[in-house]
Amino acid sequence: MQIILNGKPKEVAAGLTISELLKQLRLDIKQVVVERNASIVAKQGYERECLNDGDNLEIVHFVGGG
């Protein structure tokens, strides 16, 4: 199935959870915020929220600096 990830089309497996997607992208769950279809997803929902065909995701990764 296809989703939109940070404005770009991406093919993913059907039934993939947000948590599994973040693992595939090698992103630390503690350092990201996920917006799905214009709504912020609570971190507790990452394990149980399955992606749907056509979902629009924005993933923001926190970067420290000084």
C-alpha atoms as a PDB file:
ATOM      1  CA  MET A   1       0.000   0.000   0.000  1.00  0.00           C
ATOM      2  CA  GLN A   2       1.079   3.585  -0.392  1.00  0.00           C
ATOM      3  CA  ILE A   3       1.309   6.358   2.185  1.00  0.00           C
ATOM      4  CA  ILE A   4       2.618   9.896   2.005  1.00  0.00           C
ATOM      5  CA  LEU A   5       5.619  10.334   4.299  1.00  0.00           C
ATOM      6  CA  ASN A   6       6.845  13.882   4.838  1.00  0.00           C
ATOM      7  CA  GLY A   7       5.328  14.895   1.502  1.00  0.00           C
ATOM      8  CA  LYS A   8       6.694  11.969  -0.548  1.00  0.00           C
ATOM      9  CA  PRO A   9       4.947   8.748  -1.627  1.00  0.00           C
ATOM     10  CA  LYS A  10       6.244   5.595   0.094  1.00  0.00           C
ATOM     11  CA  GLU A  11       5.286   1.954  -0.353  1.00  0.00           C
ATOM     12  CA  VAL A  12       4.787   0.058   2.906  1.00  0.00           C
ATOM     13  CA  ALA A  13       3.421  -3.345   3.881  1.00  0.00           C
ATOM     14  CA  ALA A  14      -0.283  -3.604   4.678  1.00  0.00           C
ATOM     15  CA  GLY A  15      -0.962  -3.740   8.414  1.00  0.00           C
ATOM     16  CA  LEU A  16       2.262  -1.932   9.344  1.00  0.00           C
ATOM     17  CA  THR A  17       2.075  -0.062  12.650  1.00  0.00           C
ATOM     18  CA  ILE A  18       3.571   3.357  13.254  1.00  0.00           C
ATOM     19  CA  SER A  19       6.071   1.740  15.624  1.00  0.00           C
ATOM     20  CA  GLU A  20       7.174  -0.734  12.940  1.00  0.00           C
ATOM     21  CA  LEU A  21       7.541   2.065  10.391  1.00  0.00           C
ATOM     22  CA  LEU A  22       9.725   4.055  12.787  1.00  0.00           C
ATOM     23  CA  LYS A  23      11.911   0.982  13.348  1.00  0.00           C
ATOM     24  CA  GLN A  24      12.278   0.509   9.573  1.00  0.00           C
ATOM     25  CA  LEU A  25      13.306   4.164   9.277  1.00  0.00           C
ATOM     26  CA  ARG A  26      15.762   3.687  12.178  1.00  0.00           C
ATOM     27  CA  LEU A  27      14.171   6.478  14.192  1.00  0.00           C
ATOM     28  CA  ASP A  28      14.131   6.510  17.986  1.00  0.00           C
ATOM     29  CA  ILE A  29      10.518   6.589  19.139  1.00  0.00           C
ATOM     30  CA  LYS A  30      11.534   8.846  22.038  1.00  0.00           C
ATOM     31  CA  GLN A  31      12.884  11.514  19.682  1.00  0.00           C
ATOM     32  CA  VAL A  32      10.058  11.891  17.169  1.00  0.00           C
ATOM     33  CA  VAL A  33       6.547  13.237  16.908  1.00  0.00           C
ATOM     34  CA  VAL A  34       4.185  11.674  14.376  1.00  0.00           C
ATOM     35  CA  GLU A  35       1.290  13.486  12.760  1.00  0.00           C
ATOM     36  CA  ARG A  36      -1.174  11.266  10.913  1.00  0.00           C
ATOM     37  CA  ASN A  37      -3.782  12.862   8.672  1.00  0.00           C
ATOM     38  CA  ALA A  38      -3.360  16.243  10.422  1.00  0.00           C
ATOM     39  CA  SER A  39      -3.631  14.820  13.990  1.00  0.00           C
ATOM     40  CA  ILE A  40      -0.778  14.184  16.420  1.00  0.00           C
ATOM     41  CA  VAL A  41      -0.541  10.508  17.400  1.00  0.00           C
ATOM     42  CA  ALA A  42       0.090   9.827  21.107  1.00  0.00           C
ATOM     43  CA  LYS A  43       3.276   7.820  21.643  1.00  0.00           C
ATOM     44  CA  GLN A  44       1.218   5.125  23.420  1.00  0.00           C
ATOM     45  CA  GLY A  45      -0.640   4.587  20.133  1.00  0.00           C
ATOM     46  CA  TYR A  46       2.447   3.867  18.007  1.00  0.00           C
ATOM     47  CA  GLU A  47       2.314   0.119  18.786  1.00  0.00           C
ATOM     48  CA  ARG A  48      -1.365  -0.355  17.969  1.00  0.00           C
ATOM     49  CA  GLU A  49      -2.069   2.215  15.232  1.00  0.00           C
ATOM     50  CA  CYS A  50      -1.984   0.418  11.869  1.00  0.00           C
ATOM     51  CA  LEU A  51      -1.368   2.508   8.785  1.00  0.00           C
ATOM     52  CA  ASN A  52      -3.985   2.681   6.043  1.00  0.00           C
ATOM     53  CA  ASP A  53      -3.560   3.130   2.323  1.00  0.00           C
ATOM     54  CA  GLY A  54      -3.365   6.857   1.564  1.00  0.00           C
ATOM     55  CA  ASP A  55      -2.422   7.955   5.100  1.00  0.00           C
ATOM     56  CA  ASN A  56      -0.488  11.216   5.204  1.00  0.00           C
ATOM     57  CA  LEU A  57       2.282  11.127   7.823  1.00  0.00           C
ATOM     58  CA  GLU A  58       4.617  13.865   8.954  1.00  0.00           C
ATOM     59  CA  ILE A  59       7.460  12.718  11.199  1.00  0.00           C
ATOM     60  CA  VAL A  60       9.419  15.369  13.047  1.00  0.00           C
ATOM     61  CA  HIS A  61      12.768  14.275  14.504  1.00  0.00           C
ATOM     62  CA  PHE A  62      14.222  16.272  17.384  1.00  0.00           C
ATOM     63  CA  VAL A  63      17.854  17.269  16.910  1.00  0.00           C
ATOM     64  CA  GLY A  64      19.932  18.696  19.732  1.00  0.00           C
ATOM     65  CA  GLY A  65      22.464  21.393  19.208  1.00  0.00           C
ATOM     66  CA  GLY A  66      24.389  24.004  20.990  1.00  0.00           C
END
